[in-house]
Amino acid sequence: MHCSETLGGIVPRFQCDAGGSSSGGSGAPAPTSETAVLVKQAQQLNSEGKQDEAVTTYRKGLEISPNDVDAHLGMGSVLDLKGDYAEARRHLAKGAKRLNLRKFWQVKSWSNSLC
């Protein structure tokens, strides 16, 4: 995943180019492979300039895995392109929060292994 441009100069806009989706960590179930496929399809649609179709596809993925980091960050990116900044910020914030929780659990797990 890489960061590019900004959303209104305030929030980083993420474009996911990883091969799979990520869950939020914190005990939430990992996204299904169906979610990962939908995220990949939405990324492709977005890159083809089909933002409306990408939003629909991201929504399907979020119905299956509501805490999927890649789906939220991708949705935020597409909504930003469409000019729906308030909704884009909501998805970006949720994705970023989930990403931070995942990092927290990775660090905690690593620190516990040192004891």
Protein backbone atom coordinates (compact mmCIF):
# COMPACT_ATOMS: atom_id res chain seq x y z
CA MET A 1 0.00 0.00 0.00
CA HIS A 2 1.36 3.46 -0.70
CA CYS A 3 0.29 6.97 0.15
CA SER A 4 -0.31 9.49 -2.62
CA GLU A 5 -1.62 13.03 -2.74
CA THR A 6 -3.88 14.34 0.01
CA LEU A 7 -7.55 14.68 0.74
CA GLY A 8 -8.15 18.41 0.99
CA GLY A 9 -4.55 18.79 2.15
CA ILE A 10 -5.45 17.15 5.46
CA VAL A 11 -5.84 13.37 5.29
CA PRO A 12 -3.52 11.08 3.30
CA ARG A 13 -5.24 9.31 0.46
CA PHE A 14 -4.26 5.66 0.13
CA GLN A 15 -4.28 3.58 -2.97
CA CYS A 16 -3.90 -0.07 -2.12
CA ASP A 17 -1.77 -2.04 -4.47
CA ALA A 18 -1.23 -5.06 -2.23
CA GLY A 19 -2.50 -8.42 -3.38
CA GLY A 20 -4.82 -9.11 -0.44
CA SER A 21 -7.01 -7.46 2.14
CA SER A 22 -6.28 -6.91 5.78
CA SER A 23 -8.47 -7.27 8.79
CA GLY A 24 -8.51 -4.89 11.69
CA GLY A 25 -6.72 -7.20 14.12
CA SER A 26 -8.39 -6.87 17.54
CA GLY A 27 -10.05 -10.28 17.40
CA ALA A 28 -12.14 -9.51 14.30
CA PRO A 29 -12.39 -12.39 11.84
CA ALA A 30 -10.02 -12.20 8.89
CA PRO A 31 -11.69 -11.08 5.69
CA THR A 32 -12.85 -13.85 3.43
CA SER A 33 -11.14 -14.50 0.16
CA GLU A 34 -14.31 -13.15 -1.45
CA THR A 35 -13.61 -9.78 0.17
CA ALA A 36 -10.04 -9.79 -1.12
CA VAL A 37 -11.31 -10.54 -4.63
CA LEU A 38 -13.86 -7.71 -4.42
CA VAL A 39 -11.21 -5.25 -3.20
CA LYS A 40 -8.96 -6.23 -6.10
CA GLN A 41 -11.86 -5.80 -8.55
CA ALA A 42 -12.70 -2.39 -7.08
CA GLN A 43 -9.08 -1.29 -7.39
CA GLN A 44 -9.10 -2.30 -11.05
CA LEU A 45 -12.40 -0.48 -11.69
CA ASN A 46 -11.04 2.64 -10.03
CA SER A 47 -7.87 2.52 -12.14
CA GLU A 48 -10.08 2.30 -15.24
CA GLY A 49 -11.94 5.45 -14.17
CA LYS A 50 -15.12 3.56 -13.23
CA GLN A 51 -15.53 5.11 -9.77
CA ASP A 52 -19.27 4.42 -9.45
CA GLU A 53 -18.72 0.73 -10.10
CA ALA A 54 -15.73 0.71 -7.75
CA VAL A 55 -17.86 2.17 -4.94
CA THR A 56 -20.51 -0.50 -5.50
CA THR A 57 -17.85 -3.22 -5.39
CA TYR A 58 -16.20 -1.83 -2.25
CA ARG A 59 -19.64 -1.70 -0.58
CA LYS A 60 -20.14 -5.40 -1.36
CA GLY A 61 -16.79 -6.17 0.23
CA LEU A 62 -17.62 -4.12 3.31
CA GLU A 63 -20.94 -5.94 3.68
CA ILE A 64 -18.98 -9.19 3.94
CA SER A 65 -16.11 -7.83 6.08
CA PRO A 66 -17.12 -4.53 7.69
CA ASN A 67 -13.69 -3.99 9.27
CA ASP A 68 -11.55 -4.66 6.21
CA VAL A 69 -8.73 -2.10 6.14
CA ASP A 70 -8.09 -2.22 2.39
CA ALA A 71 -11.78 -1.89 1.58
CA HIS A 72 -12.17 1.18 3.79
CA LEU A 73 -9.00 2.86 2.51
CA GLY A 74 -9.89 2.07 -1.10
CA MET A 75 -13.44 3.32 -0.64
CA GLY A 76 -12.10 6.53 0.89
CA SER A 77 -9.80 7.03 -2.08
CA VAL A 78 -12.60 6.52 -4.61
CA LEU A 79 -15.03 8.76 -2.72
CA ASP A 80 -12.35 11.45 -2.60
CA LEU A 81 -12.02 11.25 -6.39
CA LYS A 82 -15.79 11.57 -6.68
CA GLY A 83 -15.77 14.67 -4.46
CA ASP A 84 -17.63 13.07 -1.53
CA TYR A 85 -15.07 14.31 0.98
CA ALA A 86 -17.07 13.81 4.19
CA GLU A 87 -17.81 10.15 3.44
CA ALA A 88 -14.25 9.66 2.18
CA ARG A 89 -12.89 10.96 5.50
CA ARG A 90 -15.13 8.54 7.42
CA HIS A 91 -13.82 5.55 5.49
CA LEU A 92 -10.21 6.71 5.64
CA ALA A 93 -10.46 7.28 9.39
CA LYS A 94 -12.00 3.86 9.98
CA GLY A 95 -9.35 2.18 7.84
CA ALA A 96 -6.54 4.08 9.56
CA LYS A 97 -7.92 3.20 12.99
CA ARG A 98 -8.09 -0.47 12.06
CA LEU A 99 -4.58 -0.32 10.63
CA ASN A 100 -3.29 1.19 13.88
CA LEU A 101 -5.02 -1.53 15.94
CA ARG A 102 -3.40 -4.20 13.79
CA LYS A 103 0.03 -2.59 14.26
CA PHE A 104 -0.60 -2.40 18.02
CA TRP A 105 -1.32 -6.13 18.23
CA GLN A 106 1.73 -6.96 16.11
CA VAL A 107 3.98 -4.92 18.41
CA LYS A 108 2.35 -6.36 21.52
CA SER A 109 2.81 -9.89 20.22
CA TRP A 110 6.45 -9.16 19.41
CA SER A 111 7.11 -7.62 22.83
CA ASN A 112 5.47 -10.59 24.58
CA SER A 113 7.82 -12.94 22.75
CA LEU A 114 10.77 -11.15 24.34
CA CYS A 115 9.71 -12.14 27.88
